[in-house]
Amino acid sequence: MDRKFTLTLDVDTRGEVGMEDRNGIIADIPGLHIEVIEREKGHGFGLAEAISVSVVIGSGVASDLAASFVRSGIKAIIRQVKGSQGETDGTQESIAQLIDRERKSGETANE
């Protein structure tokens, strides 16, 4: 069963944030779709932008793989990642742990 949730990435940029795809699609493979749904200029010290991404992940896809796509798809330093199940730093391991928590409580993609 596919799960859908939103993550907000607080990033520090020294220029433009680049995505793998100009339409904001970070990943589109069987069982995993990640895309940018909103970008907002930062308001705090050192925060250049807040990027919201929609994640749809299938039960057979590893959270580490999704975290890897998030990290490689956003060409900026990720300072913090927030979701409905908490927040974490921008390391791949901590993002994967947050994705695990979101998956366990997230809505199905069909809802």
N, C-alpha and C. Protein backbone atom coordinates (compact mmCIF):
# COMPACT_ATOMS: atom_id res chain seq x y z
N MET A 1 0.84 -1.17 0.00
CA MET A 1 0.00 0.00 0.00
C MET A 1 0.89 1.25 0.00
N ASP A 2 0.62 2.16 -0.88
CA ASP A 2 1.39 3.40 -0.96
C ASP A 2 0.98 4.36 0.15
N ARG A 3 1.97 5.04 0.71
CA ARG A 3 1.73 6.06 1.74
C ARG A 3 2.11 7.41 1.15
N LYS A 4 1.36 8.43 1.55
CA LYS A 4 1.61 9.79 1.06
C LYS A 4 1.77 10.72 2.25
N PHE A 5 2.80 11.57 2.20
CA PHE A 5 3.03 12.56 3.25
C PHE A 5 3.87 13.70 2.69
N THR A 6 3.96 14.76 3.46
CA THR A 6 4.72 15.95 3.06
C THR A 6 5.85 16.18 4.04
N LEU A 7 7.02 16.50 3.50
CA LEU A 7 8.17 16.89 4.31
C LEU A 7 8.55 18.31 3.94
N THR A 8 8.97 19.09 4.93
CA THR A 8 9.46 20.45 4.67
C THR A 8 10.95 20.48 4.99
N LEU A 9 11.72 20.88 4.00
CA LEU A 9 13.17 20.92 4.13
C LEU A 9 13.61 22.37 4.29
N ASP A 10 14.30 22.66 5.37
CA ASP A 10 14.91 23.97 5.56
C ASP A 10 16.32 23.88 5.00
N VAL A 11 16.58 24.69 3.98
CA VAL A 11 17.87 24.59 3.30
C VAL A 11 18.62 25.91 3.36
N ASP A 12 19.91 25.80 3.32
CA ASP A 12 20.81 26.94 3.29
C ASP A 12 21.45 26.94 1.91
N THR A 13 21.21 27.98 1.17
CA THR A 13 21.74 28.01 -0.19
C THR A 13 22.69 29.18 -0.38
N ARG A 14 23.58 28.98 -1.29
CA ARG A 14 24.48 30.05 -1.71
C ARG A 14 24.21 30.37 -3.18
N GLY A 15 23.00 30.21 -3.57
CA GLY A 15 22.59 30.40 -4.96
C GLY A 15 21.25 29.72 -5.15
N GLU A 16 20.97 29.32 -6.33
CA GLU A 16 19.70 28.68 -6.65
C GLU A 16 19.67 27.23 -6.20
N VAL A 17 18.55 26.82 -5.64
CA VAL A 17 18.35 25.41 -5.30
C VAL A 17 18.03 24.69 -6.60
N GLY A 18 18.78 23.63 -6.89
CA GLY A 18 18.55 22.89 -8.13
C GLY A 18 17.86 21.58 -7.86
N MET A 19 16.96 21.22 -8.72
CA MET A 19 16.32 19.92 -8.66
C MET A 19 16.77 19.13 -9.88
N GLU A 20 16.64 17.82 -9.80
CA GLU A 20 17.03 16.98 -10.93
C GLU A 20 16.19 17.27 -12.16
N ASP A 21 14.99 17.74 -11.97
CA ASP A 21 14.06 17.95 -13.07
C ASP A 21 13.49 19.36 -12.94
N ARG A 22 13.35 20.07 -14.02
CA ARG A 22 12.86 21.44 -13.95
C ARG A 22 11.43 21.55 -13.44
N ASN A 23 10.67 20.49 -13.53
CA ASN A 23 9.30 20.50 -13.03
C ASN A 23 9.23 20.19 -11.55
N GLY A 24 10.35 20.07 -10.90
CA GLY A 24 10.38 19.81 -9.47
C GLY A 24 10.26 18.35 -9.09
N ILE A 25 10.28 17.46 -10.05
CA ILE A 25 10.19 16.03 -9.74
C ILE A 25 11.58 15.54 -9.34
N ILE A 26 11.67 15.00 -8.15
CA ILE A 26 12.94 14.52 -7.63
C ILE A 26 13.11 13.03 -7.90
N ALA A 27 12.02 12.28 -7.77
CA ALA A 27 12.05 10.84 -8.02
C ALA A 27 10.72 10.41 -8.62
N ASP A 28 10.80 9.59 -9.65
CA ASP A 28 9.59 9.01 -10.25
C ASP A 28 9.94 7.63 -10.78
N ILE A 29 10.00 6.69 -9.85
CA ILE A 29 10.33 5.31 -10.18
C ILE A 29 9.22 4.43 -9.61
N PRO A 30 9.11 3.19 -10.02
CA PRO A 30 8.06 2.33 -9.46
C PRO A 30 8.12 2.30 -7.93
N GLY A 31 7.01 2.66 -7.31
CA GLY A 31 6.90 2.63 -5.86
C GLY A 31 7.37 3.88 -5.15
N LEU A 32 7.88 4.87 -5.88
CA LEU A 32 8.37 6.09 -5.24
C LEU A 32 8.19 7.30 -6.15
N HIS A 33 7.50 8.31 -5.62
CA HIS A 33 7.35 9.58 -6.34
C HIS A 33 7.58 10.70 -5.33
N ILE A 34 8.56 11.55 -5.62
CA ILE A 34 8.87 12.68 -4.76
C ILE A 34 8.92 13.92 -5.64
N GLU A 35 8.17 14.94 -5.24
CA GLU A 35 8.21 16.18 -6.01
C GLU A 35 8.05 17.40 -5.12
N VAL A 36 8.64 18.50 -5.57
CA VAL A 36 8.53 19.76 -4.86
C VAL A 36 7.12 20.31 -5.08
N ILE A 37 6.46 20.67 -3.98
CA ILE A 37 5.11 21.23 -4.12
C ILE A 37 5.05 22.70 -3.70
N GLU A 38 6.07 23.16 -2.97
CA GLU A 38 6.08 24.56 -2.57
C GLU A 38 7.49 24.99 -2.21
N ARG A 39 7.80 26.23 -2.55
CA ARG A 39 9.10 26.83 -2.18
C ARG A 39 8.82 28.19 -1.57
N GLU A 40 9.46 28.45 -0.44
CA GLU A 40 9.23 29.71 0.26
C GLU A 40 10.57 30.25 0.74
N LYS A 41 10.78 31.53 0.54
CA LYS A 41 12.01 32.16 1.03
C LYS A 41 12.06 32.07 2.54
N GLY A 42 13.26 31.84 3.07
CA GLY A 42 13.44 31.70 4.51
C GLY A 42 13.28 33.00 5.25
N HIS A 43 13.02 32.87 6.54
CA HIS A 43 12.80 34.05 7.38
C HIS A 43 13.79 34.14 8.52
N GLY A 44 14.60 33.12 8.71
CA GLY A 44 15.51 33.11 9.85
C GLY A 44 16.96 33.27 9.44
N PHE A 45 17.82 33.36 10.43
CA PHE A 45 19.25 33.49 10.19
C PHE A 45 19.79 32.23 9.54
N GLY A 46 20.45 32.38 8.41
CA GLY A 46 21.09 31.26 7.73
C GLY A 46 20.15 30.39 6.92
N LEU A 47 18.87 30.65 7.00
CA LEU A 47 17.90 29.85 6.25
C LEU A 47 17.52 30.60 5.00
N ALA A 48 17.84 30.03 3.85
CA ALA A 48 17.57 30.71 2.60
C ALA A 48 16.22 30.31 2.01
N GLU A 49 15.78 29.09 2.29
CA GLU A 49 14.56 28.64 1.65
C GLU A 49 13.96 27.45 2.40
N ALA A 50 12.63 27.37 2.39
CA ALA A 50 11.92 26.20 2.91
C ALA A 50 11.26 25.53 1.70
N ILE A 51 11.53 24.25 1.52
CA ILE A 51 11.02 23.51 0.36
C ILE A 51 10.13 22.38 0.87
N SER A 52 8.88 22.37 0.43
CA SER A 52 7.96 21.29 0.79
C SER A 52 7.94 20.28 -0.34
N VAL A 53 8.10 19.01 0.03
CA VAL A 53 8.07 17.94 -0.96
C VAL A 53 6.97 16.95 -0.60
N SER A 54 6.28 16.48 -1.61
CA SER A 54 5.29 15.43 -1.46
C SER A 54 5.98 14.10 -1.73
N VAL A 55 5.76 13.15 -0.83
CA VAL A 55 6.37 11.83 -0.96
C VAL A 55 5.26 10.79 -1.04
N VAL A 56 5.27 9.98 -2.08
CA VAL A 56 4.39 8.82 -2.19
C VAL A 56 5.31 7.62 -2.29
N ILE A 57 5.21 6.72 -1.30
CA ILE A 57 6.16 5.61 -1.21
C ILE A 57 5.42 4.30 -1.01
N GLY A 58 5.81 3.31 -1.78
CA GLY A 58 5.20 1.99 -1.68
C GLY A 58 5.81 1.16 -0.57
N SER A 59 5.10 0.14 -0.15
CA SER A 59 5.56 -0.68 0.96
C SER A 59 6.85 -1.44 0.66
N GLY A 60 7.14 -1.68 -0.61
CA GLY A 60 8.34 -2.42 -0.97
C GLY A 60 9.57 -1.56 -1.19
N VAL A 61 9.45 -0.26 -0.96
CA VAL A 61 10.57 0.66 -1.19
C VAL A 61 11.21 1.03 0.15
N ALA A 62 12.52 0.92 0.21
CA ALA A 62 13.25 1.23 1.44
C ALA A 62 13.24 2.73 1.72
N SER A 63 13.09 3.07 2.99
CA SER A 63 13.12 4.48 3.40
C SER A 63 14.48 5.10 3.09
N ASP A 64 15.55 4.29 3.18
CA ASP A 64 16.89 4.79 2.84
C ASP A 64 16.97 5.26 1.39
N LEU A 65 16.29 4.55 0.50
CA LEU A 65 16.28 4.94 -0.91
C LEU A 65 15.58 6.28 -1.09
N ALA A 66 14.43 6.45 -0.44
CA ALA A 66 13.71 7.71 -0.52
C ALA A 66 14.55 8.85 0.05
N ALA A 67 15.21 8.61 1.17
CA ALA A 67 16.07 9.63 1.78
C ALA A 67 17.22 10.00 0.85
N SER A 68 17.77 9.02 0.18
CA SER A 68 18.85 9.27 -0.77
C SER A 68 18.39 10.16 -1.92
N PHE A 69 17.19 9.91 -2.42
CA PHE A 69 16.64 10.76 -3.48
C PHE A 69 16.42 12.18 -2.99
N VAL A 70 15.91 12.33 -1.77
CA VAL A 70 15.70 13.67 -1.22
C VAL A 70 17.03 14.40 -1.14
N ARG A 71 18.05 13.75 -0.59
CA ARG A 71 19.36 14.40 -0.43
C ARG A 71 20.00 14.74 -1.76
N SER A 72 19.92 13.83 -2.72
CA SER A 72 20.59 14.09 -4.01
C SER A 72 19.77 15.00 -4.92
N GLY A 73 18.46 15.04 -4.71
CA GLY A 73 17.61 15.84 -5.58
C GLY A 73 17.59 17.32 -5.24
N ILE A 74 17.90 17.63 -4.01
CA ILE A 74 17.95 19.03 -3.57
C ILE A 74 19.42 19.43 -3.51
N LYS A 75 19.80 20.33 -4.39
CA LYS A 75 21.21 20.74 -4.47
C LYS A 75 21.48 21.90 -3.52
N ALA A 76 21.38 21.60 -2.24
CA ALA A 76 21.61 22.61 -1.21
C ALA A 76 21.93 21.88 0.09
N ILE A 77 22.43 22.62 1.06
CA ILE A 77 22.67 22.06 2.38
C ILE A 77 21.33 22.00 3.10
N ILE A 78 20.91 20.78 3.48
CA ILE A 78 19.65 20.60 4.19
C ILE A 78 19.94 20.72 5.68
N ARG A 79 19.39 21.75 6.30
CA ARG A 79 19.64 22.00 7.72
C ARG A 79 18.68 21.22 8.62
N GLN A 80 17.44 21.11 8.17
CA GLN A 80 16.42 20.47 9.00
C GLN A 80 15.31 19.94 8.10
N VAL A 81 14.70 18.83 8.52
CA VAL A 81 13.57 18.25 7.80
C VAL A 81 12.44 18.09 8.80
N LYS A 82 11.25 18.57 8.43
CA LYS A 82 10.10 18.51 9.32
C LYS A 82 8.98 17.72 8.66
N GLY A 83 8.29 16.95 9.48
CA GLY A 83 7.12 16.21 9.03
C GLY A 83 6.09 16.21 10.14
N SER A 84 4.99 15.51 9.93
CA SER A 84 3.94 15.46 10.96
C SER A 84 4.39 14.65 12.17
N GLN A 85 5.43 13.83 12.01
CA GLN A 85 5.90 12.97 13.08
C GLN A 85 7.20 13.46 13.72
N GLY A 86 7.50 14.74 13.53
CA GLY A 86 8.68 15.31 14.17
C GLY A 86 9.60 16.00 13.20
N GLU A 87 10.79 16.28 13.66
CA GLU A 87 11.79 16.94 12.83
C GLU A 87 13.14 16.31 13.10
N THR A 88 14.04 16.53 12.15
CA THR A 88 15.35 15.91 12.23
C THR A 88 16.36 16.77 11.49
N ASP A 89 17.63 16.43 11.63
CA ASP A 89 18.65 17.14 10.87
C ASP A 89 18.65 16.63 9.42
N GLY A 90 19.53 17.11 8.62
CA GLY A 90 19.50 16.79 7.19
C GLY A 90 20.35 15.61 6.76
N THR A 91 20.81 14.79 7.72
CA THR A 91 21.59 13.62 7.32
C THR A 91 20.69 12.58 6.69
N GLN A 92 21.25 11.77 5.82
CA GLN A 92 20.46 10.75 5.13
C GLN A 92 19.85 9.77 6.13
N GLU A 93 20.61 9.37 7.13
CA GLU A 93 20.11 8.42 8.12
C GLU A 93 18.92 8.99 8.90
N SER A 94 19.03 10.24 9.33
CA SER A 94 17.93 10.82 10.11
C SER A 94 16.70 11.08 9.23
N ILE A 95 16.91 11.43 7.97
CA ILE A 95 15.78 11.60 7.05
C ILE A 95 15.08 10.26 6.86
N ALA A 96 15.84 9.18 6.71
CA ALA A 96 15.25 7.84 6.55
C ALA A 96 14.43 7.46 7.78
N GLN A 97 14.93 7.80 8.97
CA GLN A 97 14.19 7.50 10.20
C GLN A 97 12.88 8.28 10.25
N LEU A 98 12.91 9.55 9.83
CA LEU A 98 11.69 10.35 9.80
C LEU A 98 10.71 9.78 8.77
N ILE A 99 11.21 9.37 7.62
CA ILE A 99 10.36 8.76 6.60
C ILE A 99 9.70 7.50 7.15
N ASP A 100 10.44 6.69 7.91
CA ASP A 100 9.86 5.50 8.55
C ASP A 100 8.70 5.88 9.46
N ARG A 101 8.90 6.92 10.27
CA ARG A 101 7.83 7.35 11.18
C ARG A 101 6.62 7.86 10.40
N GLU A 102 6.88 8.62 9.34
CA GLU A 102 5.78 9.15 8.52
C GLU A 102 5.02 8.01 7.85
N ARG A 103 5.73 7.01 7.38
CA ARG A 103 5.09 5.87 6.71
C ARG A 103 4.13 5.15 7.63
N LYS A 104 4.52 5.00 8.89
CA LYS A 104 3.71 4.26 9.84
C LYS A 104 2.42 5.00 10.19
N SER A 105 2.43 6.32 10.07
CA SER A 105 1.25 7.08 10.44
C SER A 105 0.58 7.76 9.25
N GLY A 106 1.21 7.70 8.08
CA GLY A 106 0.73 8.45 6.92
C GLY A 106 -0.56 7.92 6.33
N GLU A 107 -1.20 8.78 5.55
CA GLU A 107 -2.41 8.38 4.84
C GLU A 107 -2.05 7.57 3.62
N THR A 108 -2.99 6.76 3.17
CA THR A 108 -2.74 6.02 1.94
C THR A 108 -2.82 6.99 0.77
N ALA A 109 -2.13 6.69 -0.29
CA ALA A 109 -2.09 7.57 -1.44
C ALA A 109 -3.45 7.68 -2.12
N ASN A 110 -4.34 6.75 -1.87
CA ASN A 110 -5.66 6.77 -2.50
C ASN A 110 -6.64 7.66 -1.77
N GLU A 111 -6.30 8.12 -0.57
CA GLU A 111 -7.24 8.93 0.22
C GLU A 111 -7.36 10.33 -0.31
